[in-house]
C-alpha atoms as a PDB file:
ATOM      1  CA  UNK A   1     -41.591  39.749  35.439  1.00  0.00           C
ATOM      2  CA  UNK A   2     -38.217  39.988  37.382  1.00  0.00           C
ATOM      3  CA  UNK A   3     -35.528  37.172  37.385  1.00  0.00           C
ATOM      4  CA  UNK A   4     -35.572  34.785  40.352  1.00  0.00           C
ATOM      5  CA  UNK A   5     -31.859  34.477  41.871  1.00  0.00           C
ATOM      6  CA  UNK A   6     -30.571  31.092  41.935  1.00  0.00           C
ATOM      7  CA  UNK A   7     -27.887  31.919  44.749  1.00  0.00           C
ATOM      8  CA  UNK A   8     -27.424  33.142  48.246  1.00  0.00           C
ATOM      9  CA  UNK A   9     -26.093  36.631  48.064  1.00  0.00           C
ATOM     10  CA  UNK A  10     -24.460  36.301  51.374  1.00  0.00           C
ATOM     11  CA  UNK A  11     -22.558  33.129  50.204  1.00  0.00           C
ATOM     12  CA  UNK A  12     -21.737  34.873  47.077  1.00  0.00           C
ATOM     13  CA  UNK A  13     -20.119  37.728  49.248  1.00  0.00           C
ATOM     14  CA  UNK A  14     -18.180  35.424  51.396  1.00  0.00           C
ATOM     15  CA  UNK A  15     -16.718  33.815  48.382  1.00  0.00           C
ATOM     16  CA  UNK A  16     -15.809  37.314  46.922  1.00  0.00           C
ATOM     17  CA  UNK A  17     -13.969  38.027  50.249  1.00  0.00           C
ATOM     18  CA  UNK A  18     -12.005  34.983  49.808  1.00  0.00           C
ATOM     19  CA  UNK A  19     -11.252  35.530  45.815  1.00  0.00           C
ATOM     20  CA  UNK A  20     -10.430  39.137  46.546  1.00  0.00           C
ATOM     21  CA  UNK A  21      -8.158  38.604  49.468  1.00  0.00           C
ATOM     22  CA  UNK A  22      -6.180  35.835  47.511  1.00  0.00           C
ATOM     23  CA  UNK A  23      -5.574  37.639  44.068  1.00  0.00           C
ATOM     24  CA  UNK A  24      -6.265  41.611  45.067  1.00  0.00           C
ATOM     25  CA  UNK A  25      -8.858  43.613  43.425  1.00  0.00           C
ATOM     26  CA  UNK A  26      -6.405  44.427  40.396  1.00  0.00           C
ATOM     27  CA  UNK A  27      -5.762  40.535  39.394  1.00  0.00           C
ATOM     28  CA  UNK A  28      -9.163  39.580  39.939  1.00  0.00           C
ATOM     29  CA  UNK A  29     -11.196  39.664  36.645  1.00  0.00           C
ATOM     30  CA  UNK A  30     -14.832  39.441  35.943  1.00  0.00           C
ATOM     31  CA  UNK A  31     -14.263  35.968  34.490  1.00  0.00           C
ATOM     32  CA  UNK A  32     -12.517  34.938  37.668  1.00  0.00           C
ATOM     33  CA  UNK A  33     -15.248  36.300  39.518  1.00  0.00           C
ATOM     34  CA  UNK A  34     -17.852  34.282  37.392  1.00  0.00           C
ATOM     35  CA  UNK A  35     -16.017  30.859  37.631  1.00  0.00           C
ATOM     36  CA  UNK A  36     -14.979  31.293  41.397  1.00  0.00           C
ATOM     37  CA  UNK A  37     -18.452  32.479  42.646  1.00  0.00           C
ATOM     38  CA  UNK A  38     -20.224  30.443  40.393  1.00  0.00           C
ATOM     39  CA  UNK A  39     -22.906  32.508  39.159  1.00  0.00           C
ATOM     40  CA  UNK A  40     -23.219  34.001  35.254  1.00  0.00           C
ATOM     41  CA  UNK A  41     -22.130  37.338  34.413  1.00  0.00           C
ATOM     42  CA  UNK A  42     -25.645  38.789  34.127  1.00  0.00           C
ATOM     43  CA  UNK A  43     -26.411  37.790  37.658  1.00  0.00           C
ATOM     44  CA  UNK A  44     -23.180  39.196  38.835  1.00  0.00           C
ATOM     45  CA  UNK A  45     -24.106  42.683  37.197  1.00  0.00           C
ATOM     46  CA  UNK A  46     -27.875  42.305  38.045  1.00  0.00           C
ATOM     47  CA  UNK A  47     -27.061  42.003  41.839  1.00  0.00           C
ATOM     48  CA  UNK A  48     -23.700  43.925  42.252  1.00  0.00           C
ATOM     49  CA  UNK A  49     -23.687  46.158  39.425  1.00  0.00           C
ATOM     50  CA  UNK A  50     -19.996  45.334  38.508  1.00  0.00           C
ATOM     51  CA  UNK A  51     -16.734  44.353  39.883  1.00  0.00           C
ATOM     52  CA  UNK A  52     -15.943  47.285  41.761  1.00  0.00           C
ATOM     53  CA  UNK A  53     -19.473  47.526  43.568  1.00  0.00           C
ATOM     54  CA  UNK A  54     -19.000  43.741  44.398  1.00  0.00           C
ATOM     55  CA  UNK A  55     -15.380  44.338  45.765  1.00  0.00           C
ATOM     56  CA  UNK A  56     -16.876  47.527  48.255  1.00  0.00           C
ATOM     57  CA  UNK A  57     -19.498  45.485  49.654  1.00  0.00           C
ATOM     58  CA  UNK A  58     -17.478  42.310  50.107  1.00  0.00           C
ATOM     59  CA  UNK A  59     -14.644  44.532  51.654  1.00  0.00           C
ATOM     60  CA  UNK A  60     -17.131  46.280  54.040  1.00  0.00           C
ATOM     61  CA  UNK A  61     -18.702  43.088  55.080  1.00  0.00           C
ATOM     62  CA  UNK A  62     -14.921  41.564  55.869  1.00  0.00           C
ATOM     63  CA  UNK A  63     -14.369  44.861  57.708  1.00  0.00           C
ATOM     64  CA  UNK A  64     -17.493  44.710  59.989  1.00  0.00           C
ATOM     65  CA  UNK A  65     -16.611  41.218  60.565  1.00  0.00           C
ATOM     66  CA  UNK A  66     -12.839  41.644  61.587  1.00  0.00           C
ATOM     67  CA  UNK A  67     -13.979  44.753  63.960  1.00  0.00           C
ATOM     68  CA  UNK A  68     -16.639  42.428  65.636  1.00  0.00           C
ATOM     69  CA  UNK A  69     -14.179  39.455  66.017  1.00  0.00           C
ATOM     70  CA  UNK A  70     -11.795  41.956  67.417  1.00  0.00           C
ATOM     71  CA  UNK A  71     -14.111  43.285  70.011  1.00  0.00           C
ATOM     72  CA  UNK A  72     -15.151  39.779  71.107  1.00  0.00           C
ATOM     73  CA  UNK A  73     -11.498  38.667  71.294  1.00  0.00           C
ATOM     74  CA  UNK A  74     -10.546  41.550  73.378  1.00  0.00           C
ATOM     75  CA  UNK A  75     -13.787  41.371  75.722  1.00  0.00           C
ATOM     76  CA  UNK A  76     -12.888  37.787  76.426  1.00  0.00           C
ATOM     77  CA  UNK A  77      -9.492  38.531  77.826  1.00  0.00           C
ATOM     78  CA  UNK A  78      -9.190  39.480  81.557  1.00  0.00           C
ATOM     79  CA  UNK A  79      -5.800  40.763  81.308  1.00  0.00           C
ATOM     80  CA  UNK A  80      -5.252  43.740  79.109  1.00  0.00           C
ATOM     81  CA  UNK A  81      -1.497  43.316  78.726  1.00  0.00           C
ATOM     82  CA  UNK A  82      -2.139  39.869  77.886  1.00  0.00           C
ATOM     83  CA  UNK A  83      -5.096  40.440  75.767  1.00  0.00           C
ATOM     84  CA  UNK A  84      -3.261  42.687  73.483  1.00  0.00           C
ATOM     85  CA  UNK A  85      -0.286  40.247  73.183  1.00  0.00           C
ATOM     86  CA  UNK A  86      -2.551  37.314  72.200  1.00  0.00           C
ATOM     87  CA  UNK A  87      -4.415  39.703  69.698  1.00  0.00           C
ATOM     88  CA  UNK A  88      -0.981  40.036  67.992  1.00  0.00           C
ATOM     89  CA  UNK A  89      -0.344  36.240  68.204  1.00  0.00           C
ATOM     90  CA  UNK A  90      -3.281  35.646  66.039  1.00  0.00           C
ATOM     91  CA  UNK A  91      -2.089  36.854  62.791  1.00  0.00           C
ATOM     92  CA  UNK A  92       1.724  35.846  63.576  1.00  0.00           C
ATOM     93  CA  UNK A  93       0.554  32.314  64.082  1.00  0.00           C
ATOM     94  CA  UNK A  94      -1.439  32.467  61.294  1.00  0.00           C
ATOM     95  CA  UNK A  95       1.403  33.522  58.946  1.00  0.00           C
ATOM     96  CA  UNK A  96       4.081  31.059  60.559  1.00  0.00           C
ATOM     97  CA  UNK A  97       1.639  28.250  60.253  1.00  0.00           C
ATOM     98  CA  UNK A  98       1.038  28.853  56.591  1.00  0.00           C
ATOM     99  CA  UNK A  99       4.421  27.797  55.533  1.00  0.00           C
ATOM    100  CA  UNK A 100       5.428  30.409  52.720  1.00  0.00           C
ATOM    101  CA  UNK A 101       1.863  31.229  52.088  1.00  0.00           C
ATOM    102  CA  UNK A 102       1.160  34.343  53.390  1.00  0.00           C
ATOM    103  CA  UNK A 103      -2.018  36.201  52.486  1.00  0.00           C
ATOM    104  CA  UNK A 104      -1.854  38.703  55.083  1.00  0.00           C
ATOM    105  CA  UNK A 105      -4.566  40.729  56.155  1.00  0.00           C
ATOM    106  CA  UNK A 106      -7.460  41.667  53.690  1.00  0.00           C
ATOM    107  CA  UNK A 107      -7.648  45.361  54.896  1.00  0.00           C
ATOM    108  CA  UNK A 108      -3.947  46.096  54.903  1.00  0.00           C
ATOM    109  CA  UNK A 109      -3.598  44.423  51.230  1.00  0.00           C
ATOM    110  CA  UNK A 110      -6.269  46.543  50.045  1.00  0.00           C
ATOM    111  CA  UNK A 111      -4.718  49.652  51.781  1.00  0.00           C
ATOM    112  CA  UNK A 112      -1.302  49.055  50.048  1.00  0.00           C
ATOM    113  CA  UNK A 113      -3.013  48.072  46.653  1.00  0.00           C
ATOM    114  CA  UNK A 114      -5.766  50.823  46.125  1.00  0.00           C
ATOM    115  CA  UNK A 115      -4.798  53.761  48.113  1.00  0.00           C
ATOM    116  CA  UNK A 116      -4.252  56.764  47.648  1.00  0.00           C
ATOM    117  CA  UNK A 117      -6.477  56.349  44.180  1.00  0.00           C
ATOM    118  CA  UNK A 118      -9.717  54.758  45.412  1.00  0.00           C
ATOM    119  CA  UNK A 119     -11.708  57.451  47.190  1.00  0.00           C
ATOM    120  CA  UNK A 120     -14.527  55.024  48.433  1.00  0.00           C
ATOM    121  CA  UNK A 121     -11.919  52.615  49.915  1.00  0.00           C
ATOM    122  CA  UNK A 122     -10.066  55.373  51.445  1.00  0.00           C
ATOM    123  CA  UNK A 123     -13.098  56.412  53.504  1.00  0.00           C
ATOM    124  CA  UNK A 124     -13.926  53.116  54.294  1.00  0.00           C
ATOM    125  CA  UNK A 125     -10.505  52.671  55.564  1.00  0.00           C
ATOM    126  CA  UNK A 126     -10.486  55.877  57.611  1.00  0.00           C
ATOM    127  CA  UNK A 127     -13.832  54.764  59.220  1.00  0.00           C
ATOM    128  CA  UNK A 128     -11.924  51.322  60.166  1.00  0.00           C
ATOM    129  CA  UNK A 129      -9.171  53.068  61.502  1.00  0.00           C
ATOM    130  CA  UNK A 130     -11.230  55.053  63.968  1.00  0.00           C
ATOM    131  CA  UNK A 131     -13.347  52.188  64.803  1.00  0.00           C
ATOM    132  CA  UNK A 132     -10.227  49.867  65.567  1.00  0.00           C
ATOM    133  CA  UNK A 133      -8.716  52.851  67.512  1.00  0.00           C
ATOM    134  CA  UNK A 134     -11.717  53.443  69.801  1.00  0.00           C
ATOM    135  CA  UNK A 135     -11.658  49.509  70.494  1.00  0.00           C
ATOM    136  CA  UNK A 136      -8.046  49.753  71.676  1.00  0.00           C
ATOM    137  CA  UNK A 137      -8.971  53.162  73.677  1.00  0.00           C
ATOM    138  CA  UNK A 138     -11.873  51.389  75.516  1.00  0.00           C
ATOM    139  CA  UNK A 139      -9.905  48.245  76.183  1.00  0.00           C
ATOM    140  CA  UNK A 140      -6.805  50.429  77.490  1.00  0.00           C
ATOM    141  CA  UNK A 141      -9.437  52.477  79.672  1.00  0.00           C
ATOM    142  CA  UNK A 142     -10.679  49.058  81.244  1.00  0.00           C
ATOM    143  CA  UNK A 143      -6.734  48.491  81.949  1.00  0.00           C
ATOM    144  CA  UNK A 144      -6.305  51.882  83.529  1.00  0.00           C
ATOM    145  CA  UNK A 145      -9.544  51.429  85.505  1.00  0.00           C
ATOM    146  CA  UNK A 146      -8.146  47.977  87.095  1.00  0.00           C
ATOM    147  CA  UNK A 147      -4.975  49.374  87.904  1.00  0.00           C
ATOM    148  CA  UNK A 148      -3.261  47.067  85.095  1.00  0.00           C
ATOM    149  CA  UNK A 149      -2.281  50.600  83.332  1.00  0.00           C
ATOM    150  CA  UNK A 150      -0.939  53.609  84.755  1.00  0.00           C
ATOM    151  CA  UNK A 151      -3.464  56.595  84.942  1.00  0.00           C
ATOM    152  CA  UNK A 152      -1.004  58.975  83.745  1.00  0.00           C
ATOM    153  CA  UNK A 153      -0.479  57.042  80.197  1.00  0.00           C
ATOM    154  CA  UNK A 154      -2.063  58.815  77.030  1.00  0.00           C
ATOM    155  CA  UNK A 155      -3.895  56.227  76.171  1.00  0.00           C
ATOM    156  CA  UNK A 156      -5.456  57.939  72.881  1.00  0.00           C
ATOM    157  CA  UNK A 157      -2.082  58.266  71.659  1.00  0.00           C
ATOM    158  CA  UNK A 158      -1.096  54.844  72.746  1.00  0.00           C
ATOM    159  CA  UNK A 159      -4.328  53.348  71.140  1.00  0.00           C
ATOM    160  CA  UNK A 160      -3.452  54.896  67.706  1.00  0.00           C
ATOM    161  CA  UNK A 161       0.497  53.554  68.236  1.00  0.00           C
ATOM    162  CA  UNK A 162      -1.194  49.869  68.982  1.00  0.00           C
ATOM    163  CA  UNK A 163      -3.268  50.177  65.772  1.00  0.00           C
ATOM    164  CA  UNK A 164       0.134  51.269  63.875  1.00  0.00           C
ATOM    165  CA  UNK A 165       1.801  48.414  65.401  1.00  0.00           C
ATOM    166  CA  UNK A 166      -0.519  45.976  64.334  1.00  0.00           C
ATOM    167  CA  UNK A 167      -0.862  47.257  60.683  1.00  0.00           C
ATOM    168  CA  UNK A 168       3.115  47.254  60.442  1.00  0.00           C
ATOM    169  CA  UNK A 169       3.023  43.311  61.970  1.00  0.00           C
ATOM    170  CA  UNK A 170       0.666  42.677  59.319  1.00  0.00           C
ATOM    171  CA  UNK A 171       2.932  43.912  56.504  1.00  0.00           C
ATOM    172  CA  UNK A 172       6.110  42.763  57.907  1.00  0.00           C
ATOM    173  CA  UNK A 173       4.978  39.391  58.567  1.00  0.00           C
ATOM    174  CA  UNK A 174       4.372  38.981  54.777  1.00  0.00           C
ATOM    175  CA  UNK A 175       8.073  39.379  54.223  1.00  0.00           C
ATOM    176  CA  UNK A 176       9.464  37.731  57.239  1.00  0.00           C
ATOM    177  CA  UNK A 177       7.150  35.515  58.895  1.00  0.00           C
ATOM    178  CA  UNK A 178       9.291  34.465  61.770  1.00  0.00           C
ATOM    179  CA  UNK A 179       7.497  34.253  64.792  1.00  0.00           C
ATOM    180  CA  UNK A 180      10.205  35.029  67.456  1.00  0.00           C
ATOM    181  CA  UNK A 181      11.309  37.972  65.692  1.00  0.00           C
ATOM    182  CA  UNK A 182       7.686  39.323  65.175  1.00  0.00           C
ATOM    183  CA  UNK A 183       6.706  38.900  68.633  1.00  0.00           C
ATOM    184  CA  UNK A 184       9.966  40.734  69.950  1.00  0.00           C
ATOM    185  CA  UNK A 185       8.942  43.888  67.937  1.00  0.00           C
ATOM    186  CA  UNK A 186       5.266  43.331  69.736  1.00  0.00           C
ATOM    187  CA  UNK A 187       6.436  42.689  72.926  1.00  0.00           C
ATOM    188  CA  UNK A 188       9.113  45.735  72.861  1.00  0.00           C
ATOM    189  CA  UNK A 189       6.130  47.976  71.364  1.00  0.00           C
ATOM    190  CA  UNK A 190       3.835  46.975  73.989  1.00  0.00           C
ATOM    191  CA  UNK A 191       6.318  48.140  76.749  1.00  0.00           C
ATOM    192  CA  UNK A 192       4.767  51.582  76.064  1.00  0.00           C
ATOM    193  CA  UNK A 193       1.856  50.172  78.691  1.00  0.00           C
ATOM    194  CA  UNK A 194       4.416  49.413  81.553  1.00  0.00           C
END
């Protein structure tokens, strides 16, 4: 007779995201997971196979939620230029408000920790890049259609540039979480839309 799960898998994945985000993949032990998630080793292995599989599943879940949030946020912004600036302000404000405890972005942290060695994560990150650049492209296209961005702008390349700028800011804010400094970089980068 199969064992009955005494936990909600979705709740466990959310908690796993938090722990992996806080400690990173390499510094999170199986015992850390057992203690933090409140499940036994047997349940962890029965449900997720192992630490790597749990991480991959948690990371994919975070990535999908992050993309959905970005899409919804930008869709709610009537001005494309202001919407992009506000998108950058979200992580900047979070890092400034955490007063020295800068977790950074889980995706960026994972990129710097696990690439180029983890092939599965590498593929997930490539897909993430494509999806986010597509969101930026569609958003910039909206700006071209409403006359906010000139029609002669290469919005494909600009989408990639905005992706690179966002990821750069997410790394730099861990080193220097100075709001004025970071916003000056963002505002200068976004002048490409003028």
